[in-house]
Protein backbone atom coordinates (compact mmCIF):
# COMPACT_ATOMS: atom_id res chain seq x y z
CA UNK A 1 -3.67 7.65 -22.06
CA UNK A 2 -5.03 6.40 -25.40
CA UNK A 3 -2.02 4.13 -26.14
CA UNK A 4 -2.45 2.58 -22.67
CA UNK A 5 -6.15 1.92 -23.29
CA UNK A 6 -5.31 0.37 -26.65
CA UNK A 7 -2.73 -1.91 -25.03
CA UNK A 8 -5.20 -3.03 -22.35
CA UNK A 9 -7.83 -3.64 -25.03
CA UNK A 10 -5.43 -5.81 -27.05
CA UNK A 11 -4.46 -7.80 -23.97
CA UNK A 12 -8.14 -8.40 -23.19
CA UNK A 13 -8.72 -9.82 -26.66
CA UNK A 14 -5.70 -12.12 -26.42
CA UNK A 15 -6.84 -13.55 -23.09
CA UNK A 16 -10.51 -14.06 -24.06
CA UNK A 17 -12.46 -16.12 -26.57
CA UNK A 18 -13.52 -15.10 -30.07
CA UNK A 19 -15.23 -11.69 -29.84
CA UNK A 20 -18.61 -10.97 -31.36
CA UNK A 21 -19.68 -7.58 -32.72
CA UNK A 22 -22.75 -5.71 -31.53
CA UNK A 23 -24.76 -5.08 -34.71
CA UNK A 24 -27.98 -3.49 -33.47
CA UNK A 25 -30.66 -3.44 -30.81
CA UNK A 26 -33.68 -5.67 -31.43
CA UNK A 27 -37.20 -5.41 -29.99
CA UNK A 28 -39.13 -8.66 -29.60
CA UNK A 29 -42.89 -8.89 -29.17
CA UNK A 30 -45.61 -6.34 -29.66
CA UNK A 31 -45.52 -2.70 -28.55
CA UNK A 32 -45.58 -1.13 -26.01
CA UNK A 33 -42.22 -2.77 -25.29
CA UNK A 34 -40.96 -3.66 -21.82
CA UNK A 35 -37.32 -3.40 -20.76
CA UNK A 36 -37.00 -7.18 -20.83
CA UNK A 37 -37.93 -7.22 -24.52
CA UNK A 38 -34.82 -5.27 -25.62
CA UNK A 39 -32.11 -7.54 -27.03
CA UNK A 40 -28.83 -7.03 -28.87
CA UNK A 41 -27.86 -8.86 -32.03
CA UNK A 42 -24.30 -10.18 -31.83
CA UNK A 43 -22.55 -11.52 -34.91
CA UNK A 44 -19.22 -13.27 -35.33
CA UNK A 45 -17.46 -16.57 -36.00
CA UNK A 46 -17.99 -17.79 -32.45
CA UNK A 47 -21.76 -17.26 -32.33
CA UNK A 48 -22.59 -20.89 -33.18
CA UNK A 49 -20.70 -22.13 -30.11
CA UNK A 50 -22.64 -19.97 -27.66
CA UNK A 51 -25.58 -21.37 -25.71
CA UNK A 52 -28.41 -19.59 -23.87
CA UNK A 53 -27.30 -18.47 -20.44
CA UNK A 54 -23.67 -17.86 -21.39
CA UNK A 55 -22.30 -14.46 -20.32
CA UNK A 56 -20.29 -12.06 -22.47
CA UNK A 57 -18.35 -8.99 -21.41
CA UNK A 58 -18.89 -5.81 -23.40
CA UNK A 59 -15.69 -4.07 -24.57
CA UNK A 60 -15.39 -0.71 -26.30
CA UNK A 61 -11.99 0.40 -27.67
CA UNK A 62 -10.57 3.58 -26.10
CA UNK A 63 -13.28 3.69 -23.42
CA UNK A 64 -12.12 2.89 -19.88
CA UNK A 65 -15.57 3.07 -18.29
CA UNK A 66 -17.01 -0.16 -16.83
CA UNK A 67 -19.10 -1.92 -19.45
CA UNK A 68 -22.17 -4.13 -19.20
CA UNK A 69 -22.37 -7.92 -19.06
CA UNK A 70 -24.61 -9.55 -21.67
CA UNK A 71 -26.42 -12.88 -21.40
CA UNK A 72 -27.22 -15.02 -24.43
CA UNK A 73 -30.97 -15.73 -24.67
CA UNK A 74 -31.24 -17.30 -28.15
CA UNK A 75 -28.95 -18.68 -30.83
CA UNK A 76 -29.84 -18.26 -34.48
CA UNK A 77 -28.02 -18.96 -37.77
CA UNK A 78 -25.07 -16.57 -37.94
CA UNK A 79 -25.86 -14.59 -34.78
CA UNK A 80 -27.19 -14.70 -31.23
CA UNK A 81 -29.54 -12.46 -29.26
CA UNK A 82 -28.39 -11.25 -25.85
CA UNK A 83 -29.83 -9.04 -23.14
CA UNK A 84 -28.18 -6.94 -20.45
CA UNK A 85 -27.45 -9.05 -17.41
CA UNK A 86 -25.48 -6.44 -15.47
CA UNK A 87 -25.69 -2.77 -16.53
CA UNK A 88 -22.54 -0.77 -17.15
CA UNK A 89 -21.73 2.92 -17.39
CA UNK A 90 -23.27 3.08 -20.89
CA UNK A 91 -25.53 1.03 -23.13
CA UNK A 92 -24.16 -1.25 -25.87
CA UNK A 93 -23.54 0.55 -29.14
CA UNK A 94 -23.02 -0.61 -32.70
CA UNK A 95 -19.38 -1.60 -33.12
CA UNK A 96 -18.84 -2.66 -29.50
CA UNK A 97 -17.37 -6.11 -28.93
CA UNK A 98 -18.82 -8.84 -26.75
CA UNK A 99 -16.26 -11.29 -25.43
CA UNK A 100 -17.26 -14.64 -23.89
CA UNK A 101 -16.21 -14.87 -20.27
CA UNK A 102 -13.89 -17.68 -19.30
CA UNK A 103 -15.94 -20.50 -17.76
CA UNK A 104 -15.52 -21.15 -14.07
CA UNK A 105 -13.07 -23.92 -13.30
CA UNK A 106 -14.45 -26.79 -11.27
CA UNK A 107 -12.53 -27.16 -8.00
CA UNK A 108 -10.86 -30.51 -7.36
CA UNK A 109 -13.01 -33.00 -5.46
CA UNK A 110 -12.72 -33.09 -1.70
CA UNK A 111 -11.17 -36.19 -0.14
CA UNK A 112 -13.46 -38.97 1.08
CA UNK A 113 -14.47 -38.16 4.70
CA UNK A 114 -13.76 -41.78 5.61
CA UNK A 115 -10.15 -41.55 4.50
CA UNK A 116 -7.54 -39.96 6.79
CA UNK A 117 -6.04 -36.74 5.53
CA UNK A 118 -2.38 -36.90 4.49
CA UNK A 119 -0.08 -35.85 7.27
CA UNK A 120 1.44 -32.42 6.93
CA UNK A 121 5.23 -32.36 6.65
CA UNK A 122 6.94 -31.79 9.95
CA UNK A 123 8.00 -28.22 10.46
CA UNK A 124 11.68 -27.56 10.90
CA UNK A 125 12.57 -26.60 14.46
CA UNK A 126 12.75 -22.87 14.96
CA UNK A 127 16.17 -21.41 15.41
CA UNK A 128 16.77 -20.18 18.95
CA UNK A 129 16.18 -16.48 19.34
CA UNK A 130 19.36 -14.48 19.68
CA UNK A 131 19.63 -11.86 22.35
CA UNK A 132 19.73 -8.36 20.92
CA UNK A 133 22.96 -6.71 22.03
CA UNK A 134 22.81 -3.18 23.40
CA UNK A 135 23.77 -0.43 20.97
CA UNK A 136 27.46 0.27 20.82
CA UNK A 137 27.43 3.49 18.81
CA UNK A 138 28.48 6.64 20.60
CA UNK A 139 25.95 9.43 20.04
CA UNK A 140 27.12 13.02 20.05
CA UNK A 141 24.87 16.08 19.52
CA UNK A 142 25.06 19.76 20.61
CA UNK A 143 22.42 21.69 22.53
CA UNK A 144 22.60 25.41 21.74
CA UNK A 145 21.71 28.22 24.15
CA UNK A 146 20.63 31.77 23.50
CA UNK A 147 23.13 34.46 24.41
CA UNK A 148 23.20 35.19 28.15
CA UNK A 149 20.62 32.46 28.78
CA UNK A 150 20.97 29.22 30.75
CA UNK A 151 17.39 27.98 30.39
CA UNK A 152 16.56 25.30 27.83
CA UNK A 153 14.47 26.44 24.87
CA UNK A 154 11.37 24.40 23.88
CA UNK A 155 13.34 23.17 20.88
CA UNK A 156 16.18 21.96 23.10
CA UNK A 157 13.74 20.08 25.35
CA UNK A 158 12.16 18.46 22.31
CA UNK A 159 15.59 17.34 21.09
CA UNK A 160 16.46 15.77 24.44
CA UNK A 161 13.14 13.95 24.55
CA UNK A 162 13.70 12.59 21.05
CA UNK A 163 17.25 11.46 21.84
CA UNK A 164 16.18 9.61 24.98
CA UNK A 165 13.38 7.89 23.05
CA UNK A 166 15.78 6.92 20.25
CA UNK A 167 18.99 6.18 22.15
CA UNK A 168 17.49 4.70 25.31
CA UNK A 169 17.93 5.52 28.98
CA UNK A 170 21.02 3.37 29.58
CA UNK A 171 24.69 4.10 29.30
CA UNK A 172 26.56 7.15 30.53
CA UNK A 173 25.28 10.54 29.38
CA UNK A 174 28.11 13.09 29.32
CA UNK A 175 27.47 16.84 29.25
CA UNK A 176 30.67 18.05 27.58
CA UNK A 177 31.78 21.70 27.75
CA UNK A 178 33.93 23.25 25.01
CA UNK A 179 36.94 25.43 25.85
CA UNK A 180 36.01 28.87 27.18
CA UNK A 181 32.47 27.83 28.09
CA UNK A 182 31.89 31.02 30.07
CA UNK A 183 30.21 31.85 33.37
CA UNK A 184 26.84 30.28 32.40
CA UNK A 185 28.34 26.84 31.81
CA UNK A 186 27.48 25.48 35.24
CA UNK A 187 23.88 26.71 35.07
CA UNK A 188 23.45 25.26 31.58
CA UNK A 189 24.82 21.88 32.66
CA UNK A 190 22.42 21.97 35.61
CA UNK A 191 19.45 22.64 33.31
CA UNK A 192 20.46 19.75 31.04
CA UNK A 193 21.03 17.41 33.97
CA UNK A 194 17.62 18.24 35.42
CA UNK A 195 15.79 17.66 32.12
CA UNK A 196 17.57 14.37 31.40
CA UNK A 197 16.81 13.09 34.89
CA UNK A 198 13.16 14.03 34.36
CA UNK A 199 13.22 11.93 31.16
CA UNK A 200 14.50 8.88 33.07
CA UNK A 201 18.27 9.04 32.47
CA UNK A 202 20.13 7.77 35.55
CA UNK A 203 23.87 8.16 34.85
CA UNK A 204 24.87 11.73 33.96
CA UNK A 205 28.43 13.05 34.08
CA UNK A 206 30.21 16.26 33.11
CA UNK A 207 33.07 16.22 30.61
CA UNK A 208 34.74 18.33 27.95
CA UNK A 209 35.33 18.48 24.20
CA UNK A 210 38.47 19.88 22.54
CA UNK A 211 36.60 22.42 20.38
CA UNK A 212 33.15 24.04 20.29
CA UNK A 213 30.52 22.87 17.79
CA UNK A 214 30.07 25.02 14.67
CA UNK A 215 27.60 27.90 14.88
CA UNK A 216 27.26 31.36 16.36
CA UNK A 217 25.55 30.22 19.59
CA UNK A 218 27.23 28.71 22.65
CA UNK A 219 26.55 25.01 23.18
CA UNK A 220 26.96 22.04 25.46
CA UNK A 221 27.65 18.75 23.69
CA UNK A 222 25.51 15.81 24.82
CA UNK A 223 27.34 12.48 24.44
CA UNK A 224 25.93 9.03 25.09
CA UNK A 225 28.52 6.33 25.72
CA UNK A 226 26.63 2.99 25.76
CA UNK A 227 29.60 1.25 27.31
C-alpha cells in the first residue's frame, strides 16, 4: 500500500505547480483568537507568484485521507499566509505540502447569435436491418426419471421450462426413447408431452435414439429440430 501511495504522491507533484511547505500555524490579532484568525505560513520558491484568493491543495506523503484546501490571504517576502478554505480529514501539519491548483480554463467564446451555426455533416444512411434467421442448431438433452416412476420431478419441470425459454417454442420437439425403454415409457412420454404443451410447444413427436444416455436412471431424450 505504501509504494502505491508514494507513486500517487509523485504523480501529483509532477502534474501540479511548485509546491510550498507548511512551516507553522500563525495567529493574527489579539487574543482571544477566533477561528478566522488562524493562518498557515507557507514557504517555497513559488510563494512570490501567488496572489490572495488563490487556492492550494494540501498533500501529505503516505496519507491517503482527503486533505484540506487552503486559500492565500496575504503574500509576504519569502512566504505567504493561507487559511483553510475547505476542511479535510485532518489539520495541516508542519512538513505538509501545499500545491497550487491548476487554474480553470476559460471556455471558448460562443458564436455570435446573429450568425448561422455551421451545418452538421450529413449522417450516413443506416444500413438496412437484416432479418434474424431462426436457430439451426439441434438441441438434445435427457430427462431422467426415478425408478418405477413416470411423473416428472420438480427438477425435470424446471429443465423443460428453461429449455423452452432458451430454445423457443418453434420447431419439432421429439421425445426419443432409448432401446429397452420399459413398460413406463408410454406414461413418461405422455407426462413430457403434457408439460411441453402447457409451456406452449405445438409440434411434439415421438422418436428413438440408438443408445441410452449415461447414468444409472432411465431417461427420455428431448430433441429440438428447428427445421
